[in-house]
Amino acid sequence: MKAAKLVAWLCLLAMTAGLINAFANGDFFIDGGALLENPWGVMSLIDLYVGFSLFSIWIVYREKTTWKIIFWVINMMIFGFLTGSIYVLKALYESKGDWTVALHGIHRGDLDGKT
């Protein structure tokens, strides 16, 4: 669990540093336009949003209330894996060292081998 927390913290720090750098040194509209003109740039965006969508499935599965689901999924789509890093840290700290709680959240009691 300590290793997972360390990785999640490093990811959060990397995302924060990257976003600060991008906002300080880049131009969202110019750079975004250039990205969309490049086939690999488009592929990177497809890859990114597929990842956001798949990660959001886990959020929907774990969370109990609709407003929390909406909050986390919208933030995931806007802020990407900065939000994902925060969510993983939230799940790990709430679990108090129990991987079943970290991974399954409210569904931890439903684990009876059925798929």
C-alpha atoms as a PDB file:
ATOM      1  CA  MET A   1       0.000   0.000   0.000  1.00  0.00           C
ATOM      2  CA  LYS A   2       2.896   2.366   0.759  1.00  0.00           C
ATOM      3  CA  ALA A   3       4.314   1.813  -2.732  1.00  0.00           C
ATOM      4  CA  ALA A   4       0.924   2.563  -4.321  1.00  0.00           C
ATOM      5  CA  LYS A   5       0.628   5.783  -2.318  1.00  0.00           C
ATOM      6  CA  LEU A   6       4.157   6.788  -3.320  1.00  0.00           C
ATOM      7  CA  VAL A   7       3.427   6.177  -7.004  1.00  0.00           C
ATOM      8  CA  ALA A   8       0.137   8.106  -6.778  1.00  0.00           C
ATOM      9  CA  TRP A   9       1.891  11.042  -5.057  1.00  0.00           C
ATOM     10  CA  LEU A  10       4.643  11.047  -7.705  1.00  0.00           C
ATOM     11  CA  CYS A  11       2.003  11.020 -10.448  1.00  0.00           C
ATOM     12  CA  LEU A  12       0.168  13.906  -8.801  1.00  0.00           C
ATOM     13  CA  LEU A  13       3.399  15.906  -8.515  1.00  0.00           C
ATOM     14  CA  ALA A  14       4.335  15.163 -12.134  1.00  0.00           C
ATOM     15  CA  MET A  15       0.894  16.227 -13.357  1.00  0.00           C
ATOM     16  CA  THR A  16       1.014  19.405 -11.274  1.00  0.00           C
ATOM     17  CA  ALA A  17       4.496  20.321 -12.534  1.00  0.00           C
ATOM     18  CA  GLY A  18       3.512  19.547 -16.120  1.00  0.00           C
ATOM     19  CA  LEU A  19       0.366  21.659 -15.933  1.00  0.00           C
ATOM     20  CA  ILE A  20       2.219  24.585 -14.354  1.00  0.00           C
ATOM     21  CA  ASN A  21       4.827  24.379 -17.117  1.00  0.00           C
ATOM     22  CA  ALA A  22       2.179  24.163 -19.852  1.00  0.00           C
ATOM     23  CA  PHE A  23       0.226  27.149 -18.534  1.00  0.00           C
ATOM     24  CA  ALA A  24       3.395  29.194 -17.954  1.00  0.00           C
ATOM     25  CA  ASN A  25       5.148  28.429 -21.245  1.00  0.00           C
ATOM     26  CA  GLY A  26       2.493  27.324 -23.706  1.00  0.00           C
ATOM     27  CA  ASP A  27      -0.496  28.737 -25.515  1.00  0.00           C
ATOM     28  CA  PHE A  28      -3.446  26.377 -25.210  1.00  0.00           C
ATOM     29  CA  PHE A  29      -5.165  27.516 -28.406  1.00  0.00           C
ATOM     30  CA  ILE A  30      -2.076  27.608 -30.630  1.00  0.00           C
ATOM     31  CA  ASP A  31      -0.547  24.409 -29.282  1.00  0.00           C
ATOM     32  CA  GLY A  32      -3.925  22.649 -29.219  1.00  0.00           C
ATOM     33  CA  GLY A  33      -4.508  23.579 -32.853  1.00  0.00           C
ATOM     34  CA  ALA A  34      -1.102  22.193 -33.816  1.00  0.00           C
ATOM     35  CA  LEU A  35      -1.881  18.997 -31.913  1.00  0.00           C
ATOM     36  CA  LEU A  36      -5.104  18.502 -33.862  1.00  0.00           C
ATOM     37  CA  GLU A  37      -3.267  18.915 -37.184  1.00  0.00           C
ATOM     38  CA  ASN A  38      -0.917  16.042 -36.399  1.00  0.00           C
ATOM     39  CA  PRO A  39      -2.249  12.463 -36.774  1.00  0.00           C
ATOM     40  CA  TRP A  40      -0.218  11.364 -33.747  1.00  0.00           C
ATOM     41  CA  GLY A  41      -1.565  14.333 -31.815  1.00  0.00           C
ATOM     42  CA  VAL A  42      -5.105  13.200 -32.610  1.00  0.00           C
ATOM     43  CA  MET A  43      -4.187   9.624 -31.662  1.00  0.00           C
ATOM     44  CA  SER A  44      -2.762  10.867 -28.356  1.00  0.00           C
ATOM     45  CA  LEU A  45      -6.042  12.627 -27.595  1.00  0.00           C
ATOM     46  CA  ILE A  46      -8.034   9.501 -28.463  1.00  0.00           C
ATOM     47  CA  ASP A  47      -5.756   7.458 -26.202  1.00  0.00           C
ATOM     48  CA  LEU A  48      -6.097  10.021 -23.423  1.00  0.00           C
ATOM     49  CA  TYR A  49      -9.892  10.118 -23.494  1.00  0.00           C
ATOM     50  CA  VAL A  50     -10.177   6.346 -23.722  1.00  0.00           C
ATOM     51  CA  GLY A  51      -8.071   6.234 -20.533  1.00  0.00           C
ATOM     52  CA  PHE A  52     -10.247   8.902 -18.906  1.00  0.00           C
ATOM     53  CA  SER A  53     -13.380   6.958 -19.819  1.00  0.00           C
ATOM     54  CA  LEU A  54     -12.092   3.630 -18.537  1.00  0.00           C
ATOM     55  CA  PHE A  55     -10.855   5.188 -15.305  1.00  0.00           C
ATOM     56  CA  SER A  56     -14.249   6.879 -14.910  1.00  0.00           C
ATOM     57  CA  ILE A  57     -15.933   3.457 -15.054  1.00  0.00           C
ATOM     58  CA  TRP A  58     -13.984   2.556 -11.904  1.00  0.00           C
ATOM     59  CA  ILE A  59     -15.072   5.817 -10.249  1.00  0.00           C
ATOM     60  CA  VAL A  60     -18.731   5.103 -11.078  1.00  0.00           C
ATOM     61  CA  TYR A  61     -18.344   1.572  -9.691  1.00  0.00           C
ATOM     62  CA  ARG A  62     -16.661   2.721  -6.448  1.00  0.00           C
ATOM     63  CA  GLU A  63     -18.760   5.739  -5.529  1.00  0.00           C
ATOM     64  CA  LYS A  64     -22.049   5.637  -3.692  1.00  0.00           C
ATOM     65  CA  THR A  65     -23.776   8.915  -4.495  1.00  0.00           C
ATOM     66  CA  THR A  66     -24.693  10.408  -7.841  1.00  0.00           C
ATOM     67  CA  TRP A  67     -23.312  13.859  -7.046  1.00  0.00           C
ATOM     68  CA  LYS A  68     -19.890  12.384  -6.185  1.00  0.00           C
ATOM     69  CA  ILE A  69     -19.891  10.375  -9.402  1.00  0.00           C
ATOM     70  CA  ILE A  70     -20.751  13.471 -11.435  1.00  0.00           C
ATOM     71  CA  PHE A  71     -18.131  15.560  -9.599  1.00  0.00           C
ATOM     72  CA  TRP A  72     -15.300  13.062 -10.114  1.00  0.00           C
ATOM     73  CA  VAL A  73     -16.134  12.134 -13.722  1.00  0.00           C
ATOM     74  CA  ILE A  74     -16.490  15.764 -14.859  1.00  0.00           C
ATOM     75  CA  ASN A  75     -13.200  16.646 -13.180  1.00  0.00           C
ATOM     76  CA  MET A  76     -11.595  13.595 -14.763  1.00  0.00           C
ATOM     77  CA  MET A  77     -12.664  14.768 -18.229  1.00  0.00           C
ATOM     78  CA  ILE A  78     -11.454  18.333 -17.584  1.00  0.00           C
ATOM     79  CA  PHE A  79      -8.288  17.870 -15.538  1.00  0.00           C
ATOM     80  CA  GLY A  80      -7.373  14.348 -16.633  1.00  0.00           C
ATOM     81  CA  PHE A  81      -5.048  12.245 -14.580  1.00  0.00           C
ATOM     82  CA  LEU A  82      -4.400  15.084 -12.148  1.00  0.00           C
ATOM     83  CA  THR A  83      -7.902  14.184 -10.948  1.00  0.00           C
ATOM     84  CA  GLY A  84      -7.101  10.491 -11.388  1.00  0.00           C
ATOM     85  CA  SER A  85      -4.067  10.816  -9.125  1.00  0.00           C
ATOM     86  CA  ILE A  86      -6.107  12.603  -6.467  1.00  0.00           C
ATOM     87  CA  TYR A  87      -8.850   9.976  -6.713  1.00  0.00           C
ATOM     88  CA  VAL A  88      -6.380   7.107  -6.313  1.00  0.00           C
ATOM     89  CA  LEU A  89      -4.888   8.812  -3.246  1.00  0.00           C
ATOM     90  CA  LYS A  90      -8.402   9.319  -1.848  1.00  0.00           C
ATOM     91  CA  ALA A  91      -9.205   5.632  -2.360  1.00  0.00           C
ATOM     92  CA  LEU A  92      -5.919   4.491  -0.815  1.00  0.00           C
ATOM     93  CA  TYR A  93      -6.195   6.703   2.255  1.00  0.00           C
ATOM     94  CA  GLU A  94      -9.876   5.871   2.824  1.00  0.00           C
ATOM     95  CA  SER A  95      -9.071   2.166   2.666  1.00  0.00           C
ATOM     96  CA  LYS A  96      -6.798   2.286   5.738  1.00  0.00           C
ATOM     97  CA  GLY A  97      -4.534  -0.343   4.185  1.00  0.00           C
ATOM     98  CA  ASP A  98      -7.256  -2.704   2.904  1.00  0.00           C
ATOM     99  CA  TRP A  99      -6.834  -3.337  -0.826  1.00  0.00           C
ATOM    100  CA  THR A 100     -10.395  -4.638  -1.143  1.00  0.00           C
ATOM    101  CA  VAL A 101     -11.755  -1.323   0.132  1.00  0.00           C
ATOM    102  CA  ALA A 102      -9.306   0.642  -2.035  1.00  0.00           C
ATOM    103  CA  LEU A 103     -10.346  -1.164  -5.212  1.00  0.00           C
ATOM    104  CA  HIS A 104     -14.043  -1.820  -4.594  1.00  0.00           C
ATOM    105  CA  GLY A 105     -15.211   0.967  -2.284  1.00  0.00           C
ATOM    106  CA  ILE A 106     -18.895   0.523  -1.490  1.00  0.00           C
ATOM    107  CA  HIS A 107     -19.025  -2.822  -3.316  1.00  0.00           C
ATOM    108  CA  ARG A 108     -16.511  -4.529  -1.050  1.00  0.00           C
ATOM    109  CA  GLY A 109     -19.298  -6.502   0.656  1.00  0.00           C
ATOM    110  CA  ASP A 110     -20.632  -7.718  -2.695  1.00  0.00           C
ATOM    111  CA  LEU A 111     -17.548  -9.788  -3.508  1.00  0.00           C
ATOM    112  CA  ASP A 112     -18.875 -13.317  -3.604  1.00  0.00           C
ATOM    113  CA  GLY A 113     -17.159 -14.558  -6.741  1.00  0.00           C
ATOM    114  CA  LYS A 114     -19.940 -13.554  -9.156  1.00  0.00           C
ATOM    115  CA  THR A 115     -19.059 -11.567 -12.264  1.00  0.00           C
END
